[in-house]
Every structure is written in structure tokens, then in C-alpha cells.
Amino acid sequence: MTDIQVENRPLEPFVSGQRGKGAGAVGGPSFWRRVWKSPLHDYPVRDRILKQYLRLAPRSSVLELGPGSGFTAFCMSCRMQNVTLVDIASHTIEDLREQLGSLGNVYCIHGDTTQPGFGDDLAGRFDVAYGMDVFEFIPKPAECVKNLVKTLRPGGQLFLTFPNFGPPKCHGVTYFYEREDLDRILRDAGLREWSVFSVRLNSYAQRIFGIFHEWPLSIYRKLRTEPKGVPQTYEATWAFANRGRLRRYRGLLHLYWEFIDLLIALGGPAFVLRSTTDGIISRQLVIVGRK
């Protein structure tokens, strides 16, 4: 196993290369398309990890595991050859098809990445397979990683982020106390090199995010009726259940997210590397691997 070198990179677009035409263009949705045309979404702070630590070539084919609201795929579709979304929740997939179907290069699959045979029809089709803060909800992580790697072309990249917290902070079912356990899964899946590292918001971004996002939402959450337990799929969340009512305020919400994003951008790269010398538990982990 070769450990991929990772640096704190300046904030960059999702892809590198020259501006072109069509889905592979380096551009991306304009400000007003993000505000008025993108799927209803929360502030996508985790997407800044993608922007800093994942390098994508123009016109790549990408697979997203657990796409949630579909906002990341909406942005990717302007730059990639095609974007394929996979989710175990049927209602989420139906909603994504309704929200993103008009884009023309976004495809939605209802499937379970932990099941034997998943990915047989997708083998070797993708340059990148990624999942943002979804790995902790996967009950069989080894099977999931093996199936994702199967869908990659030779040299393709696997990119996963997830909060690696054990009980009682863990909201999902998967976490790792030892780096060796995670390395074993990545090696057995067929990756030839990988890196596991930890990131955190820098102090400025953390303050902005806390004041303008977490604090207002904490007040609102006290006023609303929360679903019982911790949702394990996006369709079980309060936001998905109330999406019809919330979409009336989509423009205003998205404008506010753009305001937060602008403030965070003023502080430079939002995420910085965090030491894992004392272990990987209780860390926001990032996995970058190459087949």
C-alpha cells in the first residue's frame, strides 16, 4: 500500500483543466441557478472537502453514494460527462429523478451497495466514486467499498468522508477505533494506494458556521417536531418529510446559504488537516484511494 500525499490545498473548483463546452466544462451553475434552480438543500459545508481534496478531470464519469438532496450532483452535472446517483431509499431516488431529470446527464439508481452483485452492470464505468458523510450509515462497510471499487476504471478514485465517532456520539452504525481495520477493508477491496486523513473547519470558518448556521437552526429545531430516533436515510429526515412546504422558501434559503458561503470563503480554505497521531476515532475522516 502506498500512502497518497495530501496537502492543505487552496480552494479550487471541483475539476481542473481548461474551460470547455457541455457537461465537462469547468464552469458550474451560476449564482442564480444555484439559488433558484438547484434542489432544496441545507448549507453544503461538506462539499468544501470535495473542493479542497478531490481532483477531477473535465468530462469525468462519477458515481455518488447517498446523494441526499442532490445539490452536489446538481453542481457536478455542469462539469462532468455524467453523474450517477445511488441510494437505498426508493422515495429519495424518485424525488431526485423529479428534481434532476431535466439535466440530461444525471442518472438515478435505487440499490444497496452492500449486496453481492451490486455494481456488476456498472463495473469499470466510473472515474470517481464518492460519498459524503454517508459511510457511517453503511451496515456492511467492507462489502460497500468492494462494490464501489468494482465500478471504477483502472486508476479511478474512491473518495469518502464520514464522522468517525463511536457511541454515544455515533449517529450511524459504522465506526473504526483502529486505522488497521480501515486499511484492511481498503486493501481487500482492490485499491492499490490510499490515504486516510482527518480534517476540521479552521477556527474562522467554525465561528461563521456556528453563528450563522448552527445557532439559528438550533433555535428552530426546538420549535419543530423532530422524528423519533436518528434518521438513517435522507428520506427519514425532517427536511425530506417537509420538503413540499419548504420549497416555497427555496430562493430565500439558498440566498442565505450563499451569504454564509461567501463569509466562509473570505477566510481561505475552510478545512485544514488534523493530526491522527493519537488515533482516528472521534475525527472527521477522509479516504482517498486509487484503483
C-alpha atoms as a PDB file:
ATOM      1  CA  MET A   1       0.000   0.000   0.000  1.00  0.00           C
ATOM      2  CA  THR A   2       1.263   3.454  -0.949  1.00  0.00           C
ATOM      3  CA  ASP A   3       0.007   6.382   1.086  1.00  0.00           C
ATOM      4  CA  ILE A   4      -1.178   9.157  -1.224  1.00  0.00           C
ATOM      5  CA  GLN A   5       0.370  12.523  -0.402  1.00  0.00           C
ATOM      6  CA  VAL A   6      -2.245  15.008   0.789  1.00  0.00           C
ATOM      7  CA  GLU A   7      -1.782  18.723   1.298  1.00  0.00           C
ATOM      8  CA  ASN A   8      -3.877  21.610   2.520  1.00  0.00           C
ATOM      9  CA  ARG A   9      -4.840  22.937  -0.882  1.00  0.00           C
ATOM     10  CA  PRO A  10      -6.314  26.321  -1.720  1.00  0.00           C
ATOM     11  CA  LEU A  11      -9.988  26.384  -2.541  1.00  0.00           C
ATOM     12  CA  GLU A  12     -10.414  25.206  -6.128  1.00  0.00           C
ATOM     13  CA  PRO A  13     -13.252  24.170  -8.438  1.00  0.00           C
ATOM     14  CA  PHE A  14     -14.355  20.540  -8.402  1.00  0.00           C
ATOM     15  CA  VAL A  15     -12.354  19.963 -11.595  1.00  0.00           C
ATOM     16  CA  SER A  16      -9.101  21.132 -13.074  1.00  0.00           C
ATOM     17  CA  GLY A  17      -8.325  21.854 -16.703  1.00  0.00           C
ATOM     18  CA  GLN A  18      -9.344  24.219 -19.448  1.00  0.00           C
ATOM     19  CA  ARG A  19     -12.863  25.530 -19.851  1.00  0.00           C
ATOM     20  CA  GLY A  20     -14.765  23.592 -22.480  1.00  0.00           C
ATOM     21  CA  LYS A  21     -18.264  23.086 -23.766  1.00  0.00           C
ATOM     22  CA  GLY A  22     -21.040  20.863 -22.494  1.00  0.00           C
ATOM     23  CA  ALA A  23     -21.239  18.813 -19.338  1.00  0.00           C
ATOM     24  CA  GLY A  24     -17.490  18.627 -18.893  1.00  0.00           C
ATOM     25  CA  ALA A  25     -16.959  22.381 -18.689  1.00  0.00           C
ATOM     26  CA  VAL A  26     -15.007  23.695 -15.736  1.00  0.00           C
ATOM     27  CA  GLY A  27     -17.684  26.312 -15.109  1.00  0.00           C
ATOM     28  CA  GLY A  28     -20.589  25.193 -12.987  1.00  0.00           C
ATOM     29  CA  PRO A  29     -24.005  26.540 -12.135  1.00  0.00           C
ATOM     30  CA  SER A  30     -24.233  30.303 -11.988  1.00  0.00           C
ATOM     31  CA  PHE A  31     -25.134  32.117  -8.782  1.00  0.00           C
ATOM     32  CA  TRP A  32     -28.780  32.486  -9.803  1.00  0.00           C
ATOM     33  CA  ARG A  33     -29.064  28.861 -10.964  1.00  0.00           C
ATOM     34  CA  ARG A  34     -27.771  27.735  -7.579  1.00  0.00           C
ATOM     35  CA  VAL A  35     -30.321  29.963  -5.847  1.00  0.00           C
ATOM     36  CA  TRP A  36     -33.418  29.309  -7.957  1.00  0.00           C
ATOM     37  CA  LYS A  37     -32.861  26.048  -9.856  1.00  0.00           C
ATOM     38  CA  SER A  38     -30.906  23.782  -7.527  1.00  0.00           C
ATOM     39  CA  PRO A  39     -32.724  21.225  -5.361  1.00  0.00           C
ATOM     40  CA  LEU A  40     -33.759  22.426  -1.916  1.00  0.00           C
ATOM     41  CA  HIS A  41     -30.762  21.852   0.321  1.00  0.00           C
ATOM     42  CA  ASP A  42     -29.078  22.693   3.587  1.00  0.00           C
ATOM     43  CA  TYR A  43     -25.839  24.671   3.545  1.00  0.00           C
ATOM     44  CA  PRO A  44     -23.399  22.178   1.923  1.00  0.00           C
ATOM     45  CA  VAL A  45     -20.361  22.715   4.142  1.00  0.00           C
ATOM     46  CA  ARG A  46     -19.145  19.170   3.464  1.00  0.00           C
ATOM     47  CA  ASP A  47     -18.838  19.948  -0.260  1.00  0.00           C
ATOM     48  CA  ARG A  48     -15.889  22.150   0.616  1.00  0.00           C
ATOM     49  CA  ILE A  49     -13.981  18.976   1.469  1.00  0.00           C
ATOM     50  CA  LEU A  50     -14.552  17.852  -2.114  1.00  0.00           C
ATOM     51  CA  LYS A  51     -13.391  21.200  -3.439  1.00  0.00           C
ATOM     52  CA  GLN A  52     -10.165  21.078  -1.464  1.00  0.00           C
ATOM     53  CA  TYR A  53      -9.107  17.449  -1.576  1.00  0.00           C
ATOM     54  CA  LEU A  54     -10.559  15.791  -4.697  1.00  0.00           C
ATOM     55  CA  ARG A  55      -9.020  16.393  -8.111  1.00  0.00           C
ATOM     56  CA  LEU A  56     -11.330  15.687 -11.047  1.00  0.00           C
ATOM     57  CA  ALA A  57     -10.558  15.900 -14.731  1.00  0.00           C
ATOM     58  CA  PRO A  58     -13.132  17.536 -17.037  1.00  0.00           C
ATOM     59  CA  ARG A  59     -15.711  15.197 -18.558  1.00  0.00           C
ATOM     60  CA  SER A  60     -15.220  12.506 -15.932  1.00  0.00           C
ATOM     61  CA  SER A  61     -17.897   9.951 -15.148  1.00  0.00           C
ATOM     62  CA  VAL A  62     -18.727   9.976 -11.442  1.00  0.00           C
ATOM     63  CA  LEU A  63     -20.802   7.865  -9.055  1.00  0.00           C
ATOM     64  CA  GLU A  64     -22.239   9.368  -5.868  1.00  0.00           C
ATOM     65  CA  LEU A  65     -23.279   7.192  -2.943  1.00  0.00           C
ATOM     66  CA  GLY A  66     -26.076   8.609  -0.790  1.00  0.00           C
ATOM     67  CA  PRO A  67     -26.757  11.843  -2.729  1.00  0.00           C
ATOM     68  CA  GLY A  68     -29.146  13.344  -0.178  1.00  0.00           C
ATOM     69  CA  SER A  69     -30.810  16.467  -1.568  1.00  0.00           C
ATOM     70  CA  GLY A  70     -28.971  16.171  -4.896  1.00  0.00           C
ATOM     71  CA  PHE A  71     -27.254  19.564  -4.653  1.00  0.00           C
ATOM     72  CA  THR A  72     -23.735  18.163  -5.083  1.00  0.00           C
ATOM     73  CA  ALA A  73     -24.869  16.225  -8.156  1.00  0.00           C
ATOM     74  CA  PHE A  74     -26.556  19.376  -9.491  1.00  0.00           C
ATOM     75  CA  CYS A  75     -23.205  21.195  -9.328  1.00  0.00           C
ATOM     76  CA  MET A  76     -21.266  18.229 -10.678  1.00  0.00           C
ATOM     77  CA  SER A  77     -23.572  17.850 -13.684  1.00  0.00           C
ATOM     78  CA  CYS A  78     -22.330  21.123 -15.158  1.00  0.00           C
ATOM     79  CA  ARG A  79     -18.765  19.866 -15.185  1.00  0.00           C
ATOM     80  CA  MET A  80     -18.858  16.110 -15.607  1.00  0.00           C
ATOM     81  CA  GLN A  81     -19.657  13.851 -18.547  1.00  0.00           C
ATOM     82  CA  ASN A  82     -22.276  12.097 -16.434  1.00  0.00           C
ATOM     83  CA  VAL A  83     -23.264  11.710 -12.790  1.00  0.00           C
ATOM     84  CA  THR A  84     -24.874   8.528 -11.436  1.00  0.00           C
ATOM     85  CA  LEU A  85     -26.594   8.602  -8.044  1.00  0.00           C
ATOM     86  CA  VAL A  86     -27.148   5.520  -5.886  1.00  0.00           C
ATOM     87  CA  ASP A  87     -29.385   5.358  -2.826  1.00  0.00           C
ATOM     88  CA  ILE A  88     -31.093   2.583  -0.892  1.00  0.00           C
ATOM     89  CA  ALA A  89     -34.176   4.738  -0.232  1.00  0.00           C
ATOM     90  CA  SER A  90     -36.708   4.494  -3.057  1.00  0.00           C
ATOM     91  CA  HIS A  91     -38.535   7.738  -2.216  1.00  0.00           C
ATOM     92  CA  THR A  92     -35.251   9.643  -2.279  1.00  0.00           C
ATOM     93  CA  ILE A  93     -34.464   8.282  -5.748  1.00  0.00           C
ATOM     94  CA  GLU A  94     -37.938   9.180  -7.008  1.00  0.00           C
ATOM     95  CA  ASP A  95     -37.550  12.716  -5.699  1.00  0.00           C
ATOM     96  CA  LEU A  96     -34.092  13.068  -7.253  1.00  0.00           C
ATOM     97  CA  ARG A  97     -35.399  11.929 -10.625  1.00  0.00           C
ATOM     98  CA  GLU A  98     -38.070  14.604 -10.390  1.00  0.00           C
ATOM     99  CA  GLN A  99     -35.612  17.309  -9.309  1.00  0.00           C
ATOM    100  CA  LEU A 100     -32.684  16.467 -11.603  1.00  0.00           C
ATOM    101  CA  GLY A 101     -34.228  14.583 -14.513  1.00  0.00           C
ATOM    102  CA  SER A 102     -34.175  17.616 -16.801  1.00  0.00           C
ATOM    103  CA  LEU A 103     -30.362  17.892 -16.604  1.00  0.00           C
ATOM    104  CA  GLY A 104     -29.864  15.099 -19.125  1.00  0.00           C
ATOM    105  CA  ASN A 105     -26.615  13.645 -17.736  1.00  0.00           C
ATOM    106  CA  VAL A 106     -27.740  12.654 -14.231  1.00  0.00           C
ATOM    107  CA  TYR A 107     -28.898   9.066 -13.670  1.00  0.00           C
ATOM    108  CA  CYS A 108     -30.505   7.660 -10.515  1.00  0.00           C
ATOM    109  CA  ILE A 109     -30.267   4.068  -9.313  1.00  0.00           C
ATOM    110  CA  HIS A 110     -32.236   2.519  -6.476  1.00  0.00           C
ATOM    111  CA  GLY A 111     -29.879  -0.052  -4.996  1.00  0.00           C
ATOM    112  CA  ASP A 112     -27.998  -1.411  -1.988  1.00  0.00           C
ATOM    113  CA  THR A 113     -24.223  -1.158  -2.341  1.00  0.00           C
ATOM    114  CA  THR A 114     -23.685  -3.785   0.371  1.00  0.00           C
ATOM    115  CA  GLN A 115     -25.391  -6.581  -1.555  1.00  0.00           C
ATOM    116  CA  PRO A 116     -23.445  -9.184  -3.569  1.00  0.00           C
ATOM    117  CA  GLY A 117     -23.658  -8.451  -7.258  1.00  0.00           C
ATOM    118  CA  PHE A 118     -24.162  -4.718  -6.899  1.00  0.00           C
ATOM    119  CA  GLY A 119     -22.072  -2.972  -9.489  1.00  0.00           C
ATOM    120  CA  ASP A 120     -21.798  -5.924 -11.858  1.00  0.00           C
ATOM    121  CA  ASP A 121     -23.583  -3.916 -14.549  1.00  0.00           C
ATOM    122  CA  LEU A 122     -21.555  -0.806 -13.643  1.00  0.00           C
ATOM    123  CA  ALA A 123     -18.124  -2.444 -13.494  1.00  0.00           C
ATOM    124  CA  GLY A 124     -15.322  -0.250 -14.775  1.00  0.00           C
ATOM    125  CA  ARG A 125     -17.580   2.642 -15.799  1.00  0.00           C
ATOM    126  CA  PHE A 126     -16.541   5.456 -13.455  1.00  0.00           C
ATOM    127  CA  ASP A 127     -13.514   7.668 -12.942  1.00  0.00           C
ATOM    128  CA  VAL A 128     -14.591   8.576  -9.411  1.00  0.00           C
ATOM    129  CA  ALA A 129     -16.921   7.070  -6.808  1.00  0.00           C
ATOM    130  CA  TYR A 130     -17.581   9.288  -3.807  1.00  0.00           C
ATOM    131  CA  GLY A 131     -19.821   9.552  -0.752  1.00  0.00           C
ATOM    132  CA  MET A 132     -20.124  12.499   1.602  1.00  0.00           C
ATOM    133  CA  ASP A 133     -20.907  11.708   5.254  1.00  0.00           C
ATOM    134  CA  VAL A 134     -22.836   8.563   4.390  1.00  0.00           C
ATOM    135  CA  PHE A 135     -20.305   5.800   5.137  1.00  0.00           C
ATOM    136  CA  GLU A 136     -21.191   5.786   8.842  1.00  0.00           C
ATOM    137  CA  PHE A 137     -24.705   4.595   7.941  1.00  0.00           C
ATOM    138  CA  ILE A 138     -23.491   1.596   5.909  1.00  0.00           C
ATOM    139  CA  PRO A 139     -24.020  -1.621   7.926  1.00  0.00           C
ATOM    140  CA  LYS A 140     -21.520  -3.660   5.863  1.00  0.00           C
ATOM    141  CA  PRO A 141     -18.667  -1.275   5.052  1.00  0.00           C
ATOM    142  CA  ALA A 142     -16.346  -3.908   3.564  1.00  0.00           C
ATOM    143  CA  GLU A 143     -18.935  -5.074   1.048  1.00  0.00           C
ATOM    144  CA  CYS A 144     -19.835  -1.485   0.186  1.00  0.00           C
ATOM    145  CA  VAL A 145     -16.229  -0.430  -0.507  1.00  0.00           C
ATOM    146  CA  LYS A 146     -15.573  -3.570  -2.553  1.00  0.00           C
ATOM    147  CA  ASN A 147     -18.607  -2.901  -4.735  1.00  0.00           C
ATOM    148  CA  LEU A 148     -17.708   0.774  -5.184  1.00  0.00           C
ATOM    149  CA  VAL A 149     -14.163  -0.106  -6.229  1.00  0.00           C
ATOM    150  CA  LYS A 150     -15.612  -2.593  -8.696  1.00  0.00           C
ATOM    151  CA  THR A 151     -17.364   0.256 -10.527  1.00  0.00           C
ATOM    152  CA  LEU A 152     -14.089   2.169 -11.006  1.00  0.00           C
ATOM    153  CA  ARG A 153     -11.941   2.137 -14.100  1.00  0.00           C
ATOM    154  CA  PRO A 154      -8.242   1.286 -13.637  1.00  0.00           C
ATOM    155  CA  GLY A 155      -6.718   4.338 -11.964  1.00  0.00           C
ATOM    156  CA  GLY A 156     -10.148   5.522 -10.793  1.00  0.00           C
ATOM    157  CA  GLN A 157     -10.533   7.275  -7.443  1.00  0.00           C
ATOM    158  CA  LEU A 158     -12.544   6.422  -4.353  1.00  0.00           C
ATOM    159  CA  PHE A 159     -13.369   9.413  -2.133  1.00  0.00           C
ATOM    160  CA  LEU A 160     -15.283   9.021   1.131  1.00  0.00           C
ATOM    161  CA  THR A 161     -15.821  11.367   4.056  1.00  0.00           C
ATOM    162  CA  PHE A 162     -17.517  10.469   7.326  1.00  0.00           C
ATOM    163  CA  PRO A 163     -17.593  11.420  11.012  1.00  0.00           C
ATOM    164  CA  ASN A 164     -15.830   8.514  12.727  1.00  0.00           C
ATOM    165  CA  PHE A 165     -17.398   8.675  16.165  1.00  0.00           C
ATOM    166  CA  GLY A 166     -18.133   5.789  18.460  1.00  0.00           C
ATOM    167  CA  PRO A 167     -21.055   5.561  20.920  1.00  0.00           C
ATOM    168  CA  PRO A 168     -22.747   7.606  22.197  1.00  0.00           C
ATOM    169  CA  LYS A 169     -21.896  10.284  19.602  1.00  0.00           C
ATOM    170  CA  CYS A 170     -22.135   7.927  16.636  1.00  0.00           C
ATOM    171  CA  HIS A 171     -25.370   8.538  14.695  1.00  0.00           C
ATOM    172  CA  GLY A 172     -24.839   5.604  12.350  1.00  0.00           C
ATOM    173  CA  VAL A 173     -23.709   2.013  12.669  1.00  0.00           C
ATOM    174  CA  THR A 174     -20.137   2.073  11.347  1.00  0.00           C
ATOM    175  CA  TYR A 175     -17.040   3.456  13.040  1.00  0.00           C
ATOM    176  CA  PHE A 176     -13.406   2.419  13.447  1.00  0.00           C
ATOM    177  CA  TYR A 177     -11.238   2.546  16.542  1.00  0.00           C
ATOM    178  CA  GLU A 178      -8.093   1.361  14.756  1.00  0.00           C
ATOM    179  CA  ARG A 179      -6.590   2.518  11.461  1.00  0.00           C
ATOM    180  CA  GLU A 180      -5.577  -1.079  10.692  1.00  0.00           C
ATOM    181  CA  ASP A 181      -9.238  -2.157  10.469  1.00  0.00           C
ATOM    182  CA  LEU A 182      -9.970   0.516   7.882  1.00  0.00           C
ATOM    183  CA  ASP A 183      -6.784  -0.253   5.947  1.00  0.00           C
ATOM    184  CA  ARG A 184      -7.778  -3.913   5.724  1.00  0.00           C
ATOM    185  CA  ILE A 185     -11.111  -3.032   4.129  1.00  0.00           C
ATOM    186  CA  LEU A 186      -9.466  -0.746   1.566  1.00  0.00           C
ATOM    187  CA  ARG A 187      -6.764  -3.293   0.708  1.00  0.00           C
ATOM    188  CA  ASP A 188      -9.192  -6.193   0.359  1.00  0.00           C
ATOM    189  CA  ALA A 189     -11.434  -4.082  -1.886  1.00  0.00           C
ATOM    190  CA  GLY A 190      -8.685  -3.903  -4.514  1.00  0.00           C
ATOM    191  CA  LEU A 191      -7.269  -0.404  -4.067  1.00  0.00           C
ATOM    192  CA  ARG A 192      -3.570  -0.184  -4.914  1.00  0.00           C
ATOM    193  CA  GLU A 193      -2.957   3.010  -2.931  1.00  0.00           C
ATOM    194  CA  TRP A 194      -4.899   5.111  -0.458  1.00  0.00           C
ATOM    195  CA  SER A 195      -4.674   7.721   2.248  1.00  0.00           C
ATOM    196  CA  VAL A 196      -6.779   8.171   5.376  1.00  0.00           C
ATOM    197  CA  PHE A 197      -6.615  11.574   7.000  1.00  0.00           C
ATOM    198  CA  SER A 198      -8.643  13.842   9.244  1.00  0.00           C
ATOM    199  CA  VAL A 199      -9.934  17.345   8.581  1.00  0.00           C
ATOM    200  CA  ARG A 200     -11.653  20.050  10.580  1.00  0.00           C
ATOM    201  CA  LEU A 201     -13.016  23.504   9.873  1.00  0.00           C
ATOM    202  CA  ASN A 202     -10.490  26.239  10.535  1.00  0.00           C
ATOM    203  CA  SER A 203     -11.292  28.457  13.518  1.00  0.00           C
ATOM    204  CA  TYR A 204     -12.700  31.291  11.382  1.00  0.00           C
ATOM    205  CA  ALA A 205     -14.950  29.001   9.322  1.00  0.00           C
ATOM    206  CA  GLN A 206     -16.092  27.244  12.503  1.00  0.00           C
ATOM    207  CA  ARG A 207     -17.172  30.543  14.043  1.00  0.00           C
ATOM    208  CA  ILE A 208     -19.034  31.641  10.908  1.00  0.00           C
ATOM    209  CA  PHE A 209     -20.722  28.245  10.547  1.00  0.00           C
ATOM    210  CA  GLY A 210     -21.672  28.174  14.199  1.00  0.00           C
ATOM    211  CA  ILE A 211     -23.087  31.700  14.341  1.00  0.00           C
ATOM    212  CA  PHE A 212     -24.942  31.791  11.028  1.00  0.00           C
ATOM    213  CA  HIS A 213     -25.949  28.142  10.593  1.00  0.00           C
ATOM    214  CA  GLU A 214     -25.870  26.065  13.742  1.00  0.00           C
ATOM    215  CA  TRP A 215     -27.193  28.670  16.172  1.00  0.00           C
ATOM    216  CA  PRO A 216     -30.298  29.675  14.132  1.00  0.00           C
ATOM    217  CA  LEU A 217     -31.064  26.026  13.356  1.00  0.00           C
ATOM    218  CA  SER A 218     -30.730  25.007  17.000  1.00  0.00           C
ATOM    219  CA  ILE A 219     -33.456  27.520  17.865  1.00  0.00           C
ATOM    220  CA  TYR A 220     -35.675  26.352  15.010  1.00  0.00           C
ATOM    221  CA  ARG A 221     -35.233  22.689  15.946  1.00  0.00           C
ATOM    222  CA  LYS A 222     -36.601  23.422  19.408  1.00  0.00           C
ATOM    223  CA  LEU A 223     -39.803  24.713  17.820  1.00  0.00           C
ATOM    224  CA  ARG A 224     -40.442  21.892  15.381  1.00  0.00           C
ATOM    225  CA  THR A 225     -41.477  18.281  15.842  1.00  0.00           C
ATOM    226  CA  GLU A 226     -38.472  16.031  15.382  1.00  0.00           C
ATOM    227  CA  PRO A 227     -38.718  12.464  14.049  1.00  0.00           C
ATOM    228  CA  LYS A 228     -38.119   9.774  16.656  1.00  0.00           C
ATOM    229  CA  GLY A 229     -34.558   8.486  16.768  1.00  0.00           C
ATOM    230  CA  VAL A 230     -31.690   9.464  14.482  1.00  0.00           C
ATOM    231  CA  PRO A 231     -32.591   9.195  10.774  1.00  0.00           C
ATOM    232  CA  GLN A 232     -30.514   6.553   8.971  1.00  0.00           C
ATOM    233  CA  THR A 233     -31.546   7.618   5.449  1.00  0.00           C
ATOM    234  CA  TYR A 234     -32.202  11.003   3.887  1.00  0.00           C
ATOM    235  CA  GLU A 235     -35.885  10.198   3.310  1.00  0.00           C
ATOM    236  CA  ALA A 236     -36.296   9.712   7.091  1.00  0.00           C
ATOM    237  CA  THR A 237     -35.169  13.261   7.867  1.00  0.00           C
ATOM    238  CA  TRP A 238     -37.446  16.122   8.859  1.00  0.00           C
ATOM    239  CA  ALA A 239     -36.249  18.159   5.858  1.00  0.00           C
ATOM    240  CA  PHE A 240     -37.267  15.448   3.371  1.00  0.00           C
ATOM    241  CA  ALA A 241     -40.649  14.894   5.014  1.00  0.00           C
ATOM    242  CA  ASN A 242     -41.412  18.632   4.861  1.00  0.00           C
ATOM    243  CA  ARG A 243     -39.760  19.367   1.509  1.00  0.00           C
ATOM    244  CA  GLY A 244     -43.020  20.371  -0.160  1.00  0.00           C
ATOM    245  CA  ARG A 245     -43.655  23.164   2.345  1.00  0.00           C
ATOM    246  CA  LEU A 246     -40.019  24.250   2.483  1.00  0.00           C
ATOM    247  CA  ARG A 247     -39.687  24.565  -1.301  1.00  0.00           C
ATOM    248  CA  ARG A 248     -41.835  27.682  -1.171  1.00  0.00           C
ATOM    249  CA  TYR A 249     -38.919  29.356   0.580  1.00  0.00           C
ATOM    250  CA  ARG A 250     -36.176  27.770  -1.540  1.00  0.00           C
ATOM    251  CA  GLY A 251     -34.902  31.020  -3.041  1.00  0.00           C
ATOM    252  CA  LEU A 252     -34.621  32.757   0.320  1.00  0.00           C
ATOM    253  CA  LEU A 253     -32.937  29.782   1.973  1.00  0.00           C
ATOM    254  CA  HIS A 254     -30.457  29.392  -0.853  1.00  0.00           C
ATOM    255  CA  LEU A 255     -29.642  33.090  -0.818  1.00  0.00           C
ATOM    256  CA  TYR A 256     -28.831  32.759   2.860  1.00  0.00           C
ATOM    257  CA  TRP A 257     -26.592  29.731   2.199  1.00  0.00           C
ATOM    258  CA  GLU A 258     -24.765  31.749  -0.467  1.00  0.00           C
ATOM    259  CA  PHE A 259     -24.243  34.511   2.107  1.00  0.00           C
ATOM    260  CA  ILE A 260     -22.721  32.021   4.568  1.00  0.00           C
ATOM    261  CA  ASP A 261     -20.564  30.556   1.815  1.00  0.00           C
ATOM    262  CA  LEU A 262     -19.230  33.991   0.897  1.00  0.00           C
ATOM    263  CA  LEU A 263     -18.323  34.723   4.512  1.00  0.00           C
ATOM    264  CA  ILE A 264     -16.526  31.391   4.886  1.00  0.00           C
ATOM    265  CA  ALA A 265     -14.674  31.905   1.596  1.00  0.00           C
ATOM    266  CA  LEU A 266     -13.202  35.141   2.957  1.00  0.00           C
ATOM    267  CA  GLY A 267     -11.186  33.058   5.416  1.00  0.00           C
ATOM    268  CA  GLY A 268      -9.458  30.954   2.736  1.00  0.00           C
ATOM    269  CA  PRO A 269      -9.597  27.140   2.644  1.00  0.00           C
ATOM    270  CA  ALA A 270     -12.361  26.160   5.053  1.00  0.00           C
ATOM    271  CA  PHE A 271     -10.872  22.807   6.092  1.00  0.00           C
ATOM    272  CA  VAL A 272      -7.437  22.074   7.479  1.00  0.00           C
ATOM    273  CA  LEU A 273      -5.703  18.789   8.184  1.00  0.00           C
ATOM    274  CA  ARG A 274      -5.926  17.463  11.714  1.00  0.00           C
ATOM    275  CA  SER A 275      -3.386  15.144  13.284  1.00  0.00           C
ATOM    276  CA  THR A 276      -4.321  11.471  13.682  1.00  0.00           C
ATOM    277  CA  THR A 277      -1.232  10.527  15.673  1.00  0.00           C
ATOM    278  CA  ASP A 278      -3.480   9.899  18.669  1.00  0.00           C
ATOM    279  CA  GLY A 279      -5.887   7.744  16.653  1.00  0.00           C
ATOM    280  CA  ILE A 280      -8.696   8.039  14.100  1.00  0.00           C
ATOM    281  CA  ILE A 281     -11.688   7.789  16.428  1.00  0.00           C
ATOM    282  CA  SER A 282     -13.675  10.991  17.060  1.00  0.00           C
ATOM    283  CA  ARG A 283     -12.386  12.523  13.826  1.00  0.00           C
ATOM    284  CA  GLN A 284     -13.910  13.701  10.574  1.00  0.00           C
ATOM    285  CA  LEU A 285     -12.157  11.227   8.275  1.00  0.00           C
ATOM    286  CA  VAL A 286     -11.417  11.460   4.569  1.00  0.00           C
ATOM    287  CA  ILE A 287     -10.477   8.415   2.487  1.00  0.00           C
ATOM    288  CA  VAL A 288      -8.791   8.960  -0.881  1.00  0.00           C
ATOM    289  CA  GLY A 289      -7.927   5.808  -2.809  1.00  0.00           C
ATOM    290  CA  ARG A 290      -6.873   4.797  -6.308  1.00  0.00           C
ATOM    291  CA  LYS A 291      -7.680   1.522  -8.026  1.00  0.00           C
END
